[in-house]
Amino acid sequence: MKTAVIPQVRVEPELRTELDTSLREGETLSEFVEAAVRSALAFRQVQTRFHARGQAAWEQYLATGRSKSADEVLDALQAKVDARRRQLER
């Protein structure tokens, strides 16, 4: 499979110096940039899915006029936390 190139990004010399000094032993600038891009992409995808679920819930509320109270939502979240804790204690 062929690889693609991410466009060069011009930065101030101070940022480049900070970047160079923060690289781990044996890590290249290219590896750091690739990891940062992958991380940012994963975060964007999570944000997009979260927004889509929120939009769908809002549209359902507008269509039905029904919603859950804050207490119901918090109770459901607490139940999930408690279940996960029990699972991890095993």
N, C-alpha and C. Protein backbone atom coordinates (compact mmCIF):
# COMPACT_ATOMS: atom_id res chain seq x y z
N MET A 1 0.84 -1.17 0.00
CA MET A 1 0.00 0.00 0.00
C MET A 1 0.89 1.24 0.00
N LYS A 2 0.56 2.18 -0.84
CA LYS A 2 1.29 3.43 -0.87
C LYS A 2 0.91 4.27 0.33
N THR A 3 1.83 5.10 0.75
CA THR A 3 1.55 6.02 1.85
C THR A 3 1.29 7.41 1.29
N ALA A 4 0.62 8.22 2.09
CA ALA A 4 0.34 9.60 1.70
C ALA A 4 1.13 10.52 2.61
N VAL A 5 1.26 11.75 2.18
CA VAL A 5 2.02 12.73 2.95
C VAL A 5 1.06 13.79 3.49
N ILE A 6 1.22 14.11 4.77
CA ILE A 6 0.46 15.21 5.37
C ILE A 6 1.20 16.49 5.01
N PRO A 7 0.47 17.53 4.64
CA PRO A 7 1.13 18.79 4.26
C PRO A 7 2.02 19.34 5.37
N GLN A 8 3.05 20.01 4.96
CA GLN A 8 3.94 20.67 5.91
C GLN A 8 3.17 21.77 6.64
N VAL A 9 3.55 21.97 7.88
CA VAL A 9 2.93 23.01 8.68
C VAL A 9 4.03 23.95 9.15
N ARG A 10 3.87 25.21 8.83
CA ARG A 10 4.86 26.19 9.28
C ARG A 10 4.52 26.62 10.70
N VAL A 11 5.53 26.60 11.57
CA VAL A 11 5.34 27.01 12.96
C VAL A 11 6.45 27.97 13.36
N GLU A 12 6.22 28.65 14.44
CA GLU A 12 7.25 29.57 14.95
C GLU A 12 8.42 28.75 15.48
N PRO A 13 9.62 29.30 15.40
CA PRO A 13 10.81 28.56 15.85
C PRO A 13 10.71 28.09 17.31
N GLU A 14 10.04 28.89 18.14
CA GLU A 14 9.92 28.51 19.55
C GLU A 14 9.11 27.22 19.71
N LEU A 15 8.05 27.09 18.93
CA LEU A 15 7.23 25.88 19.00
C LEU A 15 8.04 24.68 18.51
N ARG A 16 8.78 24.85 17.45
CA ARG A 16 9.61 23.76 16.93
C ARG A 16 10.64 23.34 17.96
N THR A 17 11.25 24.30 18.66
CA THR A 17 12.24 23.98 19.69
C THR A 17 11.58 23.21 20.83
N GLU A 18 10.39 23.65 21.27
CA GLU A 18 9.67 22.94 22.32
C GLU A 18 9.35 21.52 21.88
N LEU A 19 8.94 21.39 20.65
CA LEU A 19 8.60 20.08 20.11
C LEU A 19 9.82 19.17 20.09
N ASP A 20 10.92 19.68 19.58
CA ASP A 20 12.14 18.87 19.51
C ASP A 20 12.59 18.42 20.90
N THR A 21 12.46 19.28 21.90
CA THR A 21 12.91 18.91 23.24
C THR A 21 11.93 17.98 23.95
N SER A 22 10.70 17.88 23.44
CA SER A 22 9.72 17.01 24.09
C SER A 22 9.66 15.61 23.49
N LEU A 23 10.37 15.39 22.41
CA LEU A 23 10.37 14.06 21.80
C LEU A 23 11.00 13.05 22.75
N ARG A 24 10.43 11.85 22.79
CA ARG A 24 10.98 10.79 23.63
C ARG A 24 12.21 10.20 22.95
N GLU A 25 12.98 9.49 23.73
CA GLU A 25 14.19 8.88 23.19
C GLU A 25 13.84 7.95 22.04
N GLY A 26 14.47 8.17 20.90
CA GLY A 26 14.25 7.35 19.72
C GLY A 26 13.03 7.75 18.91
N GLU A 27 12.24 8.70 19.39
CA GLU A 27 11.03 9.13 18.68
C GLU A 27 11.39 10.18 17.65
N THR A 28 10.81 10.06 16.48
CA THR A 28 11.06 11.05 15.44
C THR A 28 9.93 12.08 15.43
N LEU A 29 10.21 13.20 14.81
CA LEU A 29 9.20 14.23 14.67
C LEU A 29 8.02 13.71 13.87
N SER A 30 8.30 12.94 12.83
CA SER A 30 7.22 12.36 12.01
C SER A 30 6.34 11.44 12.84
N GLU A 31 6.93 10.62 13.70
CA GLU A 31 6.14 9.72 14.54
C GLU A 31 5.27 10.52 15.51
N PHE A 32 5.83 11.58 16.07
CA PHE A 32 5.08 12.42 16.99
C PHE A 32 3.89 13.07 16.29
N VAL A 33 4.15 13.62 15.11
CA VAL A 33 3.08 14.29 14.35
C VAL A 33 2.00 13.28 13.97
N GLU A 34 2.39 12.10 13.52
CA GLU A 34 1.40 11.09 13.16
C GLU A 34 0.55 10.70 14.36
N ALA A 35 1.18 10.50 15.51
CA ALA A 35 0.43 10.13 16.72
C ALA A 35 -0.53 11.26 17.12
N ALA A 36 -0.07 12.50 17.00
CA ALA A 36 -0.92 13.64 17.35
C ALA A 36 -2.12 13.75 16.41
N VAL A 37 -1.88 13.53 15.14
CA VAL A 37 -2.96 13.60 14.15
C VAL A 37 -3.97 12.47 14.41
N ARG A 38 -3.47 11.26 14.67
CA ARG A 38 -4.37 10.14 14.95
C ARG A 38 -5.22 10.41 16.20
N SER A 39 -4.58 10.95 17.22
CA SER A 39 -5.29 11.26 18.46
C SER A 39 -6.36 12.32 18.23
N ALA A 40 -6.01 13.36 17.51
CA ALA A 40 -6.97 14.43 17.22
C ALA A 40 -8.13 13.90 16.37
N LEU A 41 -7.83 13.03 15.43
CA LEU A 41 -8.86 12.44 14.59
C LEU A 41 -9.82 11.59 15.42
N ALA A 42 -9.28 10.76 16.30
CA ALA A 42 -10.12 9.93 17.16
C ALA A 42 -11.02 10.80 18.03
N PHE A 43 -10.47 11.88 18.56
CA PHE A 43 -11.26 12.79 19.39
C PHE A 43 -12.38 13.43 18.58
N ARG A 44 -12.08 13.87 17.37
CA ARG A 44 -13.10 14.45 16.49
C ARG A 44 -14.22 13.46 16.20
N GLN A 45 -13.85 12.20 15.97
CA GLN A 45 -14.86 11.19 15.68
C GLN A 45 -15.78 10.97 16.88
N VAL A 46 -15.21 10.95 18.07
CA VAL A 46 -16.02 10.83 19.29
C VAL A 46 -16.95 12.04 19.42
N GLN A 47 -16.41 13.23 19.19
CA GLN A 47 -17.23 14.45 19.24
C GLN A 47 -18.38 14.39 18.25
N THR A 48 -18.10 13.95 17.04
CA THR A 48 -19.12 13.89 16.00
C THR A 48 -20.24 12.92 16.37
N ARG A 49 -19.85 11.74 16.88
CA ARG A 49 -20.86 10.76 17.29
C ARG A 49 -21.68 11.28 18.47
N PHE A 50 -21.02 11.94 19.41
CA PHE A 50 -21.72 12.51 20.56
C PHE A 50 -22.74 13.55 20.11
N HIS A 51 -22.32 14.41 19.21
CA HIS A 51 -23.22 15.44 18.70
C HIS A 51 -24.41 14.82 17.97
N ALA A 52 -24.15 13.78 17.18
CA ALA A 52 -25.22 13.12 16.44
C ALA A 52 -26.23 12.50 17.40
N ARG A 53 -25.75 11.86 18.48
CA ARG A 53 -26.67 11.27 19.45
C ARG A 53 -27.47 12.37 20.15
N GLY A 54 -26.83 13.47 20.47
CA GLY A 54 -27.54 14.59 21.11
C GLY A 54 -28.59 15.18 20.18
N GLN A 55 -28.24 15.34 18.93
CA GLN A 55 -29.19 15.89 17.95
C GLN A 55 -30.39 14.96 17.77
N ALA A 56 -30.12 13.66 17.71
CA ALA A 56 -31.21 12.69 17.57
C ALA A 56 -32.13 12.73 18.79
N ALA A 57 -31.53 12.84 19.97
CA ALA A 57 -32.35 12.91 21.19
C ALA A 57 -33.19 14.19 21.20
N TRP A 58 -32.62 15.29 20.77
CA TRP A 58 -33.35 16.55 20.71
C TRP A 58 -34.52 16.46 19.73
N GLU A 59 -34.26 15.88 18.58
CA GLU A 59 -35.32 15.73 17.58
C GLU A 59 -36.42 14.81 18.08
N GLN A 60 -36.04 13.76 18.80
CA GLN A 60 -37.05 12.87 19.37
C GLN A 60 -37.88 13.61 20.41
N TYR A 61 -37.23 14.43 21.22
CA TYR A 61 -37.98 15.21 22.20
C TYR A 61 -38.95 16.17 21.51
N LEU A 62 -38.49 16.83 20.45
CA LEU A 62 -39.37 17.76 19.73
C LEU A 62 -40.56 17.04 19.12
N ALA A 63 -40.33 15.81 18.67
CA ALA A 63 -41.40 15.05 18.03
C ALA A 63 -42.40 14.48 19.04
N THR A 64 -41.89 14.10 20.21
CA THR A 64 -42.77 13.42 21.17
C THR A 64 -43.15 14.28 22.37
N GLY A 65 -42.31 15.26 22.68
CA GLY A 65 -42.55 16.07 23.87
C GLY A 65 -42.20 15.36 25.16
N ARG A 66 -41.64 14.17 25.04
CA ARG A 66 -41.27 13.40 26.23
C ARG A 66 -39.77 13.44 26.45
N SER A 67 -39.41 13.52 27.71
CA SER A 67 -37.99 13.48 28.06
C SER A 67 -37.84 12.84 29.43
N LYS A 68 -36.62 12.58 29.82
CA LYS A 68 -36.34 12.02 31.14
C LYS A 68 -35.88 13.15 32.05
N SER A 69 -36.19 13.01 33.31
CA SER A 69 -35.75 14.02 34.28
C SER A 69 -34.25 13.85 34.53
N ALA A 70 -33.65 14.88 35.07
CA ALA A 70 -32.23 14.81 35.41
C ALA A 70 -31.98 13.69 36.41
N ASP A 71 -32.88 13.51 37.36
CA ASP A 71 -32.71 12.44 38.34
C ASP A 71 -32.73 11.06 37.68
N GLU A 72 -33.60 10.87 36.71
CA GLU A 72 -33.65 9.59 36.00
C GLU A 72 -32.34 9.32 35.25
N VAL A 73 -31.81 10.35 34.62
CA VAL A 73 -30.56 10.20 33.88
C VAL A 73 -29.42 9.91 34.83
N LEU A 74 -29.34 10.66 35.93
CA LEU A 74 -28.27 10.44 36.90
C LEU A 74 -28.37 9.06 37.55
N ASP A 75 -29.59 8.61 37.83
CA ASP A 75 -29.76 7.28 38.40
C ASP A 75 -29.29 6.20 37.43
N ALA A 76 -29.59 6.37 36.15
CA ALA A 76 -29.15 5.40 35.14
C ALA A 76 -27.63 5.38 35.02
N LEU A 77 -27.03 6.56 35.05
CA LEU A 77 -25.57 6.63 34.97
C LEU A 77 -24.93 6.00 36.21
N GLN A 78 -25.51 6.27 37.38
CA GLN A 78 -24.97 5.68 38.61
C GLN A 78 -25.08 4.17 38.58
N ALA A 79 -26.17 3.65 38.04
CA ALA A 79 -26.34 2.20 37.92
C ALA A 79 -25.26 1.60 37.03
N LYS A 80 -24.91 2.30 35.96
CA LYS A 80 -23.84 1.82 35.08
C LYS A 80 -22.50 1.80 35.80
N VAL A 81 -22.23 2.86 36.56
CA VAL A 81 -20.97 2.94 37.32
C VAL A 81 -20.92 1.81 38.33
N ASP A 82 -22.01 1.61 39.07
CA ASP A 82 -22.05 0.56 40.07
C ASP A 82 -21.85 -0.82 39.45
N ALA A 83 -22.49 -1.07 38.32
CA ALA A 83 -22.35 -2.36 37.64
C ALA A 83 -20.91 -2.58 37.20
N ARG A 84 -20.29 -1.55 36.68
CA ARG A 84 -18.89 -1.68 36.23
C ARG A 84 -17.96 -1.93 37.41
N ARG A 85 -18.21 -1.25 38.52
CA ARG A 85 -17.39 -1.46 39.71
C ARG A 85 -17.50 -2.91 40.20
N ARG A 86 -18.73 -3.43 40.22
CA ARG A 86 -18.92 -4.82 40.64
C ARG A 86 -18.17 -5.76 39.71
N GLN A 87 -18.21 -5.46 38.41
CA GLN A 87 -17.53 -6.29 37.42
C GLN A 87 -16.01 -6.26 37.65
N LEU A 88 -15.47 -5.12 37.97
CA LEU A 88 -14.03 -4.99 38.16
C LEU A 88 -13.56 -5.60 39.48
N GLU A 89 -14.45 -5.69 40.45
CA GLU A 89 -14.08 -6.27 41.76
C GLU A 89 -13.95 -7.78 41.72
N ARG A 90 -14.47 -8.40 40.69
CA ARG A 90 -14.40 -9.86 40.59
C ARG A 90 -13.03 -10.36 40.32
